[in-house]
């Protein structure tokens, strides 16, 4: 029905209905004064009364695959799939300008090649250093061992041998001196007797003197050996041993230092290679993110349906950042209807309530579903009227055959409850007045005004709790309005006249 007609009905009833309750039937009316014709009357009926909420919404995919860049920072769109195109898995959706990134990758590849060469050199230097260290330590150990053996040989062999030689030489010199003295003592007598000449006498004297000097030298050598030579030789050889020990320690420390230097150089080169490989791998991964392919089949929609104001930014040449939704591909195999339920009706809406959905694109068909999500916070449907608030409600459709497109208008009928075996009348038959509800009972040729108590209602019928009986015949308008309308000045309504459909009014739509 038309909105103006519904406003009139709501005003007549005062039932707390919102603009989302729609009247299912049409009330045909006769003109004023025509009397209670059948088109302007009804009867009180008994039976089941369905309480429903109807609301228009739009279809959306239950699961939208939102396509957004995964790279870091921003990228410039170079290729963009046409909106509305049907794509399959693997189709290119978006491609970004790769020039700068490919240049960075090329530079990293060159750096990696150089670092790998330096790494191989560092490994070779480490191996060489290890061999040099082994050689220098072995040489120092050999020098120490040789010095120790030399000292040991001197103490246990050379020194005693030298001492014995000197002692023997001293004894020999003393013995020769004694013999020379004995011979020389006989020389004067032999010269007198003529056995020796003066020359021979002189020779004997020289031999004696030589024996004395040899004896003195031998004893002196022995004294020097005891006093100096042995100590000097032992000290020198002990010093050689100490020097060799120090050289061995130095060789080991130098080897350790040089080894650590080479190991540090190797570790540095290895870190450079590893770091460059990681950066290169990251950049190659980033390069892969510069081409976005479809992961599921569907129809391409630009932007994010929840943020439609960004849709115009999705075009070739514009920049995009990580996480920005560029393309949405709805999964049309599972659909939902998104509704905005007025705050007056939201308390009636519960999870899992059954819903019947119709769409203009599939006339004559209906789809079933249920309430699957109710927003906890209301939002304003009209920025100019903040008091007009509604809650977002999602209806998930049951599996269906065929295909529905996202974005088309859908009408949802939410089944709140069914009242069984109750009295009910059309909502046009009830007139609110001063906090009461009145019905006009037809009694032959006259009407009786009767106060009634009403209960629950749907879009076109209201439950009668008290005041009427099954089969009672009622007017579908306020007969009092006829007289006052005839007495009212032209163009002016009576003060208590309502917006309800009057006899003679056009049929409600």
Protein backbone atom coordinates (compact mmCIF):
# COMPACT_ATOMS: atom_id res chain seq x y z
CA UNK A 1 0.00 0.00 0.00
CA UNK A 2 1.06 3.60 -0.34
CA UNK A 3 2.97 5.19 2.50
CA UNK A 4 0.32 7.86 3.12
CA UNK A 5 -2.35 5.22 3.50
CA UNK A 6 -0.20 3.32 6.01
CA UNK A 7 0.48 6.46 8.04
CA UNK A 8 -3.25 6.89 8.32
CA UNK A 9 -3.71 3.33 9.53
CA UNK A 10 -0.97 3.67 12.13
CA UNK A 11 -2.49 6.90 13.37
CA UNK A 12 -5.91 5.29 13.69
CA UNK A 13 -4.67 2.28 15.64
CA UNK A 14 -1.96 3.86 17.78
CA UNK A 15 -0.50 0.34 18.03
CA UNK A 16 3.13 1.39 18.14
CA UNK A 17 3.69 0.22 14.57
CA UNK A 18 6.66 1.49 12.63
CA UNK A 19 6.94 2.25 8.96
CA UNK A 20 8.26 -1.24 8.35
CA UNK A 21 4.95 -3.02 9.03
CA UNK A 22 3.20 -3.47 5.70
CA UNK A 23 -0.51 -4.19 5.18
CA UNK A 24 -1.15 -7.35 3.24
CA UNK A 25 -4.74 -6.70 2.16
CA UNK A 26 -6.61 -3.82 0.55
CA UNK A 27 -9.61 -2.15 2.10
CA UNK A 28 -12.17 -1.15 -0.46
CA UNK A 29 -14.40 1.64 0.74
CA UNK A 30 -17.65 3.19 -0.32
CA UNK A 31 -18.29 6.88 -0.40
CA UNK A 32 -19.58 8.80 2.64
CA UNK A 33 -23.19 8.22 3.38
CA UNK A 34 -23.37 5.04 1.38
CA UNK A 35 -24.25 3.04 4.50
CA UNK A 36 -22.62 -0.09 5.76
CA UNK A 37 -21.99 -1.76 2.40
CA UNK A 38 -20.19 -5.12 2.31
CA UNK A 39 -16.98 -3.51 1.03
CA UNK A 40 -16.77 -1.37 4.18
CA UNK A 41 -17.52 -3.99 6.77
CA UNK A 42 -15.93 -7.09 8.21
CA UNK A 43 -16.62 -9.86 10.67
CA UNK A 44 -14.76 -10.92 13.78
CA UNK A 45 -12.94 -14.13 12.92
CA UNK A 46 -11.42 -16.86 15.02
CA UNK A 47 -8.33 -18.75 13.99
CA UNK A 48 -4.54 -18.57 13.84
CA UNK A 49 -2.95 -15.12 13.61
CA UNK A 50 0.59 -14.88 12.26
CA UNK A 51 2.74 -12.14 13.77
CA UNK A 52 5.35 -11.09 11.25
CA UNK A 53 7.76 -8.23 10.59
CA UNK A 54 8.37 -7.26 6.98
CA UNK A 55 11.34 -5.25 5.82
CA UNK A 56 13.10 -4.50 2.57
CA UNK A 57 16.81 -5.11 2.37
CA UNK A 58 19.36 -6.25 -0.16
CA UNK A 59 21.07 -9.48 -1.04
CA UNK A 60 24.72 -9.99 -0.20
CA UNK A 61 27.05 -12.94 -0.28
CA UNK A 62 27.42 -14.62 3.08
CA UNK A 63 31.13 -14.94 2.49
CA UNK A 64 32.82 -12.20 0.50
CA UNK A 65 36.38 -12.82 -0.58
CA UNK A 66 38.03 -9.44 -0.11
CA UNK A 67 41.16 -8.97 -2.18
CA UNK A 68 43.75 -6.61 -0.74
CA UNK A 69 47.50 -6.09 -1.23
CA UNK A 70 49.81 -8.05 1.03
CA UNK A 71 52.96 -6.09 0.28
CA UNK A 72 54.43 -3.53 2.66
CA UNK A 73 53.91 0.15 2.03
CA UNK A 74 52.17 1.35 -1.11
CA UNK A 75 52.04 0.32 -4.73
CA UNK A 76 50.74 1.85 -7.95
CA UNK A 77 48.01 -0.05 -9.80
CA UNK A 78 49.22 -0.92 -13.31
CA UNK A 79 46.65 -3.53 -14.38
CA UNK A 80 43.10 -3.87 -13.06
CA UNK A 81 40.48 -6.44 -14.00
CA UNK A 82 37.24 -5.06 -15.41
CA UNK A 83 34.47 -4.69 -12.84
CA UNK A 84 31.60 -7.13 -13.33
CA UNK A 85 33.81 -9.64 -15.10
CA UNK A 86 33.37 -13.29 -14.22
CA UNK A 87 36.71 -14.76 -13.17
CA UNK A 88 38.00 -18.22 -12.36
CA UNK A 89 40.75 -19.36 -10.03
CA UNK A 90 44.13 -18.08 -11.22
CA UNK A 91 42.89 -15.09 -13.23
CA UNK A 92 44.90 -11.90 -12.68
CA UNK A 93 42.85 -9.35 -10.77
CA UNK A 94 45.35 -6.60 -9.99
CA UNK A 95 48.96 -6.01 -10.95
CA UNK A 96 51.13 -3.24 -9.52
CA UNK A 97 54.06 -1.37 -11.04
CA UNK A 98 57.14 -3.57 -10.42
CA UNK A 99 59.89 -1.35 -11.86
CA UNK A 100 61.40 -0.09 -8.62
CA UNK A 101 61.08 -3.42 -6.83
CA UNK A 102 62.68 -5.35 -9.70
CA UNK A 103 65.61 -2.90 -9.63
CA UNK A 104 66.03 -3.50 -5.90
CA UNK A 105 65.97 -7.25 -6.48
CA UNK A 106 68.65 -6.94 -9.19
CA UNK A 107 70.89 -4.93 -6.84
CA UNK A 108 70.41 -7.49 -4.08
CA UNK A 109 71.28 -10.34 -6.46
CA UNK A 110 74.54 -8.59 -7.40
CA UNK A 111 75.35 -7.94 -3.75
CA UNK A 112 74.60 -11.55 -2.89
CA UNK A 113 76.99 -12.78 -5.60
CA UNK A 114 79.79 -10.57 -4.24
CA UNK A 115 79.11 -11.60 -0.64
CA UNK A 116 79.15 -15.29 -1.59
CA UNK A 117 82.58 -14.84 -3.22
CA UNK A 118 83.82 -13.10 -0.08
CA UNK A 119 82.30 -15.88 2.01
CA UNK A 120 84.20 -18.55 0.05
CA UNK A 121 87.41 -16.53 0.49
CA UNK A 122 86.76 -16.22 4.22
CA UNK A 123 86.26 -19.99 4.46
CA UNK A 124 89.54 -20.59 2.61
CA UNK A 125 91.37 -18.07 4.84
CA UNK A 126 90.03 -19.83 7.90
CA UNK A 127 91.26 -23.21 6.67
CA UNK A 128 94.68 -21.71 5.85
CA UNK A 129 94.86 -20.09 9.27
CA UNK A 130 93.99 -23.36 10.95
CA UNK A 131 96.85 -25.10 9.12
CA UNK A 132 99.25 -22.22 9.88
CA UNK A 133 98.25 -22.36 13.53
CA UNK A 134 98.88 -26.07 13.64
CA UNK A 135 102.29 -25.65 12.00
CA UNK A 136 103.41 -22.80 14.27
CA UNK A 137 102.28 -24.63 17.41
CA UNK A 138 103.96 -27.85 16.32
CA UNK A 139 107.16 -25.93 15.57
CA UNK A 140 107.08 -24.26 18.99
CA UNK A 141 106.41 -27.60 20.66
CA UNK A 142 109.34 -29.14 18.79
CA UNK A 143 111.62 -26.26 19.81
CA UNK A 144 110.60 -26.73 23.43
CA UNK A 145 111.14 -30.44 23.27
CA UNK A 146 114.57 -29.93 21.68
CA UNK A 147 115.56 -27.40 24.36
CA UNK A 148 114.41 -29.75 27.11
CA UNK A 149 116.35 -32.65 25.60
CA UNK A 150 119.45 -30.47 25.18
CA UNK A 151 119.28 -29.48 28.85
CA UNK A 152 118.71 -33.05 29.89
CA UNK A 153 121.61 -34.29 27.73
CA UNK A 154 123.91 -31.64 29.14
CA UNK A 155 123.00 -32.41 32.73
CA UNK A 156 123.15 -36.16 32.33
CA UNK A 157 125.85 -36.54 29.66
CA UNK A 158 127.83 -33.60 28.36
CA UNK A 159 128.55 -31.95 31.68
CA UNK A 160 129.76 -35.13 33.47
CA UNK A 161 131.78 -36.16 30.43
CA UNK A 162 133.42 -32.78 30.21
CA UNK A 163 134.18 -32.88 33.92
CA UNK A 164 135.77 -36.30 33.63
CA UNK A 165 137.85 -35.14 30.67
CA UNK A 166 139.08 -32.13 32.58
CA UNK A 167 139.82 -34.20 35.67
CA UNK A 168 141.66 -36.73 33.53
CA UNK A 169 143.60 -33.97 31.80
CA UNK A 170 144.53 -32.50 35.18
CA UNK A 171 145.71 -35.89 36.45
CA UNK A 172 147.63 -36.50 33.24
CA UNK A 173 149.27 -33.08 33.42
CA UNK A 174 150.25 -33.67 37.06
CA UNK A 175 151.67 -37.07 36.16
CA UNK A 176 153.65 -35.64 33.26
CA UNK A 177 154.94 -32.88 35.51
CA UNK A 178 156.13 -35.39 38.06
CA UNK A 179 157.97 -37.39 35.39
CA UNK A 180 159.48 -34.25 33.91
CA UNK A 181 160.75 -33.24 37.33
CA UNK A 182 162.30 -36.64 37.91
CA UNK A 183 164.05 -36.58 34.54
CA UNK A 184 165.29 -33.06 35.02
CA UNK A 185 166.74 -33.95 38.40
CA UNK A 186 168.95 -36.50 36.61
CA UNK A 187 170.05 -34.09 33.87
CA UNK A 188 172.95 -32.39 35.75
CA UNK A 189 174.59 -35.71 36.59
CA UNK A 190 174.11 -36.99 33.05
CA UNK A 191 175.60 -33.80 31.66
CA UNK A 192 178.60 -34.20 34.02
CA UNK A 193 179.08 -37.78 32.94
CA UNK A 194 178.85 -36.71 29.33
CA UNK A 195 175.68 -38.56 28.48
CA UNK A 196 173.80 -35.34 27.68
CA UNK A 197 174.89 -32.21 25.98
CA UNK A 198 174.11 -28.73 27.07
CA UNK A 199 171.51 -28.54 24.34
CA UNK A 200 169.77 -31.62 25.58
CA UNK A 201 169.89 -30.21 29.09
CA UNK A 202 168.07 -27.11 27.82
CA UNK A 203 165.49 -29.23 26.07
CA UNK A 204 164.81 -31.09 29.29
CA UNK A 205 164.43 -27.84 31.13
CA UNK A 206 161.91 -26.64 28.52
CA UNK A 207 160.02 -29.92 28.76
CA UNK A 208 159.81 -29.48 32.51
CA UNK A 209 158.56 -25.96 32.11
CA UNK A 210 155.99 -27.13 29.58
CA UNK A 211 154.82 -29.84 31.96
CA UNK A 212 154.47 -27.27 34.74
CA UNK A 213 152.41 -24.99 32.52
CA UNK A 214 150.23 -27.88 31.28
CA UNK A 215 149.62 -28.98 34.84
CA UNK A 216 148.72 -25.47 35.88
CA UNK A 217 146.41 -25.05 32.86
CA UNK A 218 144.70 -28.38 33.47
CA UNK A 219 144.05 -27.52 37.10
CA UNK A 220 142.82 -24.06 36.06
CA UNK A 221 140.50 -25.54 33.44
CA UNK A 222 139.05 -27.83 36.06
CA UNK A 223 138.56 -24.95 38.46
CA UNK A 224 136.91 -22.83 35.74
CA UNK A 225 134.70 -25.72 34.80
CA UNK A 226 133.52 -26.09 38.37
CA UNK A 227 133.20 -22.36 38.94
CA UNK A 228 131.74 -21.08 35.63
CA UNK A 229 131.41 -23.34 32.63
CA UNK A 230 128.94 -25.81 34.13
CA UNK A 231 126.75 -23.07 35.59
CA UNK A 232 126.86 -21.03 32.40
CA UNK A 233 125.96 -23.93 30.15
CA UNK A 234 123.17 -25.10 32.46
CA UNK A 235 121.77 -21.58 32.76
CA UNK A 236 121.83 -21.09 29.00
CA UNK A 237 120.08 -24.36 28.31
CA UNK A 238 117.50 -23.72 31.04
CA UNK A 239 116.93 -20.31 29.49
CA UNK A 240 116.47 -21.96 26.12
CA UNK A 241 113.79 -24.18 27.66
CA UNK A 242 112.00 -21.18 29.19
CA UNK A 243 112.18 -19.32 25.90
CA UNK A 244 110.74 -22.32 24.13
CA UNK A 245 107.88 -22.52 26.68
CA UNK A 246 107.10 -18.84 26.14
CA UNK A 247 107.28 -19.24 22.39
CA UNK A 248 104.85 -22.13 22.60
CA UNK A 249 102.42 -20.08 24.71
CA UNK A 250 102.76 -17.16 22.31
CA UNK A 251 102.24 -19.43 19.34
CA UNK A 252 99.05 -20.81 20.88
CA UNK A 253 97.72 -17.34 21.76
CA UNK A 254 98.59 -15.96 18.35
CA UNK A 255 96.96 -18.95 16.74
CA UNK A 256 93.83 -18.41 18.83
CA UNK A 257 93.71 -14.69 17.98
CA UNK A 258 94.29 -15.26 14.28
CA UNK A 259 91.74 -18.05 14.29
CA UNK A 260 89.13 -15.84 15.95
CA UNK A 261 89.85 -13.05 13.48
CA UNK A 262 89.29 -15.41 10.58
CA UNK A 263 86.22 -16.89 12.25
CA UNK A 264 84.82 -13.39 12.85
CA UNK A 265 85.48 -12.47 9.23
CA UNK A 266 83.77 -15.68 8.13
CA UNK A 267 80.81 -15.05 10.44
CA UNK A 268 80.47 -11.50 9.13
CA UNK A 269 80.47 -12.69 5.54
CA UNK A 270 78.03 -15.45 6.43
CA UNK A 271 75.69 -12.91 8.08
CA UNK A 272 75.94 -10.70 5.02
CA UNK A 273 75.03 -13.60 2.78
CA UNK A 274 72.19 -14.75 5.05
CA UNK A 275 70.84 -11.23 5.49
CA UNK A 276 71.00 -10.54 1.77
CA UNK A 277 69.32 -13.87 1.00
CA UNK A 278 66.54 -13.07 3.48
CA UNK A 279 66.07 -9.59 2.04
CA UNK A 280 66.13 -11.02 -1.47
CA UNK A 281 63.58 -13.67 -0.50
CA UNK A 282 61.39 -10.99 1.09
CA UNK A 283 61.63 -8.81 -1.98
CA UNK A 284 60.84 -11.74 -4.25
CA UNK A 285 57.86 -12.53 -2.03
CA UNK A 286 56.87 -8.87 -2.24
CA UNK A 287 57.19 -9.11 -6.02
CA UNK A 288 54.80 -12.06 -5.94
CA UNK A 289 52.36 -9.90 -3.96
CA UNK A 290 52.50 -7.32 -6.76
CA UNK A 291 50.35 -9.68 -8.83
CA UNK A 292 47.01 -10.60 -7.24
CA UNK A 293 45.16 -13.59 -8.67
CA UNK A 294 41.68 -14.89 -8.02
CA UNK A 295 41.51 -17.61 -5.38
CA UNK A 296 37.88 -18.43 -6.07
CA UNK A 297 35.50 -17.98 -9.01
CA UNK A 298 32.92 -15.21 -9.04
CA UNK A 299 31.94 -11.74 -10.23
CA UNK A 300 34.40 -8.89 -9.67
CA UNK A 301 33.27 -5.91 -7.59
CA UNK A 302 35.54 -2.96 -6.93
CA UNK A 303 36.25 -1.92 -3.35
CA UNK A 304 34.63 -3.06 -0.13
CA UNK A 305 30.81 -3.18 -0.04
CA UNK A 306 30.96 -2.12 3.60
CA UNK A 307 32.95 1.00 2.66
CA UNK A 308 31.54 1.99 -0.75
CA UNK A 309 32.95 5.53 -0.58
CA UNK A 310 36.44 4.15 -1.36
CA UNK A 311 35.26 2.42 -4.53
CA UNK A 312 36.12 5.35 -6.81
CA UNK A 313 39.75 5.16 -5.65
CA UNK A 314 40.18 1.74 -7.26
CA UNK A 315 41.56 2.53 -10.71
CA UNK A 316 44.75 2.24 -12.74
CA UNK A 317 47.38 4.78 -11.72
CA UNK A 318 46.17 5.18 -8.15
CA UNK A 319 48.13 3.98 -5.15
CA UNK A 320 47.01 1.20 -2.86
CA UNK A 321 48.28 0.18 0.54
CA UNK A 322 48.50 -3.06 2.47
CA UNK A 323 45.11 -4.24 3.69
CA UNK A 324 43.08 -1.90 1.44
CA UNK A 325 40.25 -3.85 -0.17
CA UNK A 326 40.56 -3.38 -3.93
CA UNK A 327 38.32 -6.15 -5.21
CA UNK A 328 35.54 -8.17 -3.64
CA UNK A 329 34.41 -11.49 -5.11
CA UNK A 330 31.16 -12.66 -3.52
CA UNK A 331 30.68 -16.35 -2.88
CA UNK A 332 27.24 -16.62 -4.47
CA UNK A 333 26.73 -20.19 -3.27
CA UNK A 334 25.82 -18.85 0.18
CA UNK A 335 23.67 -15.72 0.30
CA UNK A 336 22.25 -13.49 3.00
CA UNK A 337 19.81 -10.61 3.23
CA UNK A 338 20.91 -7.49 5.10
CA UNK A 339 18.07 -5.67 6.83
CA UNK A 340 17.69 -2.52 8.91
CA UNK A 341 15.08 -3.24 11.61
CA UNK A 342 13.61 -0.20 13.36
CA UNK A 343 14.30 0.12 17.05
CA UNK A 344 10.56 -0.22 17.80
CA UNK A 345 10.59 -3.73 16.35
CA UNK A 346 14.03 -5.00 17.31
CA UNK A 347 12.83 -6.65 20.53
CA UNK A 348 10.65 -8.94 18.43
CA UNK A 349 13.64 -10.16 16.41
CA UNK A 350 15.46 -13.19 17.80
CA UNK A 351 18.22 -15.39 16.47
CA UNK A 352 17.12 -18.39 14.39
CA UNK A 353 13.63 -16.98 13.67
CA UNK A 354 12.43 -18.29 10.29
CA UNK A 355 12.32 -15.83 7.40
CA UNK A 356 10.68 -15.93 3.96
CA UNK A 357 12.47 -13.88 1.29
CA UNK A 358 11.23 -12.77 -2.11
CA UNK A 359 13.07 -10.87 -4.84
CA UNK A 360 11.77 -9.18 -7.97
CA UNK A 361 14.38 -10.98 -10.06
CA UNK A 362 12.74 -14.34 -9.25
CA UNK A 363 9.04 -13.50 -9.32
CA UNK A 364 6.77 -16.21 -8.08
CA UNK A 365 9.53 -17.80 -6.01
CA UNK A 366 10.35 -17.51 -2.34
CA UNK A 367 13.42 -18.46 -0.37
CA UNK A 368 13.68 -19.59 3.22
CA UNK A 369 16.25 -18.62 5.79
CA UNK A 370 16.73 -17.62 9.39
CA UNK A 371 18.06 -14.75 11.50
CA UNK A 372 21.77 -15.38 12.09
CA UNK A 373 23.04 -12.05 13.41
CA UNK A 374 21.56 -9.04 15.20
CA UNK A 375 23.62 -5.91 15.74
CA UNK A 376 24.02 -4.86 19.35
CA UNK A 377 24.25 -1.14 18.52
CA UNK A 378 21.69 0.89 16.59
CA UNK A 379 22.61 3.30 13.82
CA UNK A 380 20.70 6.19 12.32
CA UNK A 381 19.09 5.57 8.94
CA UNK A 382 18.72 9.30 8.33
CA UNK A 383 21.51 11.72 9.12
CA UNK A 384 18.97 14.53 9.44
CA UNK A 385 16.92 12.58 12.00
CA UNK A 386 19.20 11.02 14.59
CA UNK A 387 16.18 9.74 16.56
CA UNK A 388 15.20 7.41 13.71
CA UNK A 389 17.44 4.45 14.53
CA UNK A 390 17.64 0.90 13.27
CA UNK A 391 19.61 -2.26 13.92
CA UNK A 392 21.46 -4.23 11.29
CA UNK A 393 20.07 -7.76 10.99
CA UNK A 394 21.48 -10.56 8.85
CA UNK A 395 19.32 -13.31 7.37
CA UNK A 396 21.14 -16.35 6.02
CA UNK A 397 19.29 -18.12 3.22
CA UNK A 398 18.94 -21.86 3.11
CA UNK A 399 20.59 -23.63 0.14
CA UNK A 400 18.72 -22.95 -3.09
CA UNK A 401 18.97 -23.78 -6.77
CA UNK A 402 19.88 -21.27 -9.42
CA UNK A 403 21.76 -18.06 -8.86
CA UNK A 404 21.04 -14.76 -7.13
CA UNK A 405 23.10 -11.65 -7.65
CA UNK A 406 24.44 -9.63 -4.77
CA UNK A 407 23.06 -6.11 -4.33
CA UNK A 408 19.50 -6.64 -5.58
CA UNK A 409 16.53 -5.64 -3.42
CA UNK A 410 14.90 -8.34 -1.34
CA UNK A 411 11.77 -8.40 0.79
CA UNK A 412 12.03 -10.34 4.04
CA UNK A 413 9.11 -11.58 6.12
CA UNK A 414 10.23 -12.52 9.63
CA UNK A 415 7.86 -14.93 11.34
CA UNK A 416 7.74 -13.75 14.95
CA UNK A 417 5.07 -16.16 16.22
CA UNK A 418 1.66 -17.62 15.41
CA UNK A 419 -1.24 -17.07 17.82
CA UNK A 420 -3.55 -20.08 17.63
CA UNK A 421 -7.33 -19.90 18.03
CA UNK A 422 -7.70 -16.19 18.71
CA UNK A 423 -10.25 -13.54 17.71
CA UNK A 424 -8.97 -10.98 15.24
CA UNK A 425 -10.24 -8.22 12.97
CA UNK A 426 -8.67 -6.01 10.27
CA UNK A 427 -6.71 -3.13 11.74
CA UNK A 428 -9.06 -0.70 9.93
CA UNK A 429 -11.88 -1.81 12.20
CA UNK A 430 -10.24 -0.48 15.38
CA UNK A 431 -10.21 3.27 16.17
CA UNK A 432 -8.05 4.64 19.01
CA UNK A 433 -9.54 7.41 21.09
CA UNK A 434 -8.41 8.88 24.40
CA UNK A 435 -6.32 5.88 25.35
CA UNK A 436 -9.15 3.50 24.44
CA UNK A 437 -9.79 1.38 21.36
CA UNK A 438 -13.24 1.49 19.76
CA UNK A 439 -15.03 -0.72 17.29
CA UNK A 440 -18.33 0.06 15.55
CA UNK A 441 -20.63 -2.95 15.72
CA UNK A 442 -23.34 -3.17 13.05
CA UNK A 443 -26.77 -3.73 14.64
CA UNK A 444 -29.18 -3.92 11.75
CA UNK A 445 -29.56 -0.43 10.29
CA UNK A 446 -27.63 1.24 13.08
CA UNK A 447 -24.13 1.01 14.55
CA UNK A 448 -23.07 0.59 18.16
CA UNK A 449 -19.85 2.10 19.48
CA UNK A 450 -18.09 -0.49 21.62
CA UNK A 451 -14.84 -0.32 23.60
CA UNK A 452 -12.57 -3.30 22.99
CA UNK A 453 -9.32 -4.60 24.39
CA UNK A 454 -6.74 -5.55 21.78
CA UNK A 455 -3.62 -7.75 21.88
CA UNK A 456 -0.91 -8.55 19.35
CA UNK A 457 -1.11 -7.47 15.74
CA UNK A 458 0.55 -8.03 12.41
CA UNK A 459 0.60 -5.85 9.34
CA UNK A 460 -3.15 -6.18 8.59
CA UNK A 461 -4.92 -7.81 11.54
CA UNK A 462 -5.16 -7.22 15.27
CA UNK A 463 -6.05 -9.63 18.06
CA UNK A 464 -9.26 -8.87 20.03
CA UNK A 465 -9.07 -9.87 23.68
CA UNK A 466 -12.36 -8.45 25.02
CA UNK A 467 -15.46 -6.64 23.76
CA UNK A 468 -16.34 -8.63 20.64
CA UNK A 469 -17.47 -12.12 19.76
CA UNK A 470 -16.79 -14.36 16.80
CA UNK A 471 -19.06 -13.42 13.89
CA UNK A 472 -19.72 -9.85 15.03
CA UNK A 473 -19.96 -7.54 12.04
CA UNK A 474 -17.97 -4.29 12.18
CA UNK A 475 -17.48 -1.18 10.13
CA UNK A 476 -14.05 -0.66 8.61
CA UNK A 477 -14.21 3.09 9.30
CA UNK A 478 -15.32 5.59 11.94
CA UNK A 479 -18.91 6.51 11.04
CA UNK A 480 -18.69 9.61 13.22
CA UNK A 481 -16.29 11.13 10.71
CA UNK A 482 -19.03 11.27 8.07
CA UNK A 483 -21.13 13.83 9.88
CA UNK A 484 -18.24 15.97 10.99
CA UNK A 485 -16.70 15.84 7.55
CA UNK A 486 -19.95 17.17 6.08
CA UNK A 487 -20.03 20.00 8.64
CA UNK A 488 -16.38 20.93 8.31
CA UNK A 489 -15.41 24.01 6.38
CA UNK A 490 -14.15 23.32 2.87
CA UNK A 491 -10.50 22.27 2.98
CA UNK A 492 -10.57 21.86 6.81
CA UNK A 493 -10.67 18.53 8.68
CA UNK A 494 -12.61 18.00 11.89
CA UNK A 495 -10.33 18.24 14.88
CA UNK A 496 -10.68 14.59 15.86
CA UNK A 497 -10.79 13.24 12.31
CA UNK A 498 -8.16 10.56 11.67
CA UNK A 499 -6.02 9.53 8.71
CA UNK A 500 -7.79 6.16 8.47
CA UNK A 501 -9.20 5.14 5.09
CA UNK A 502 -12.66 6.69 4.79
CA UNK A 503 -15.58 5.33 2.85
CA UNK A 504 -15.05 6.23 -0.76
CA UNK A 505 -11.27 6.45 -0.40
CA UNK A 506 -9.19 4.75 -3.14
CA UNK A 507 -8.10 1.17 -2.38
CA UNK A 508 -4.97 0.84 -0.22
CA UNK A 509 -1.89 -0.48 -2.02
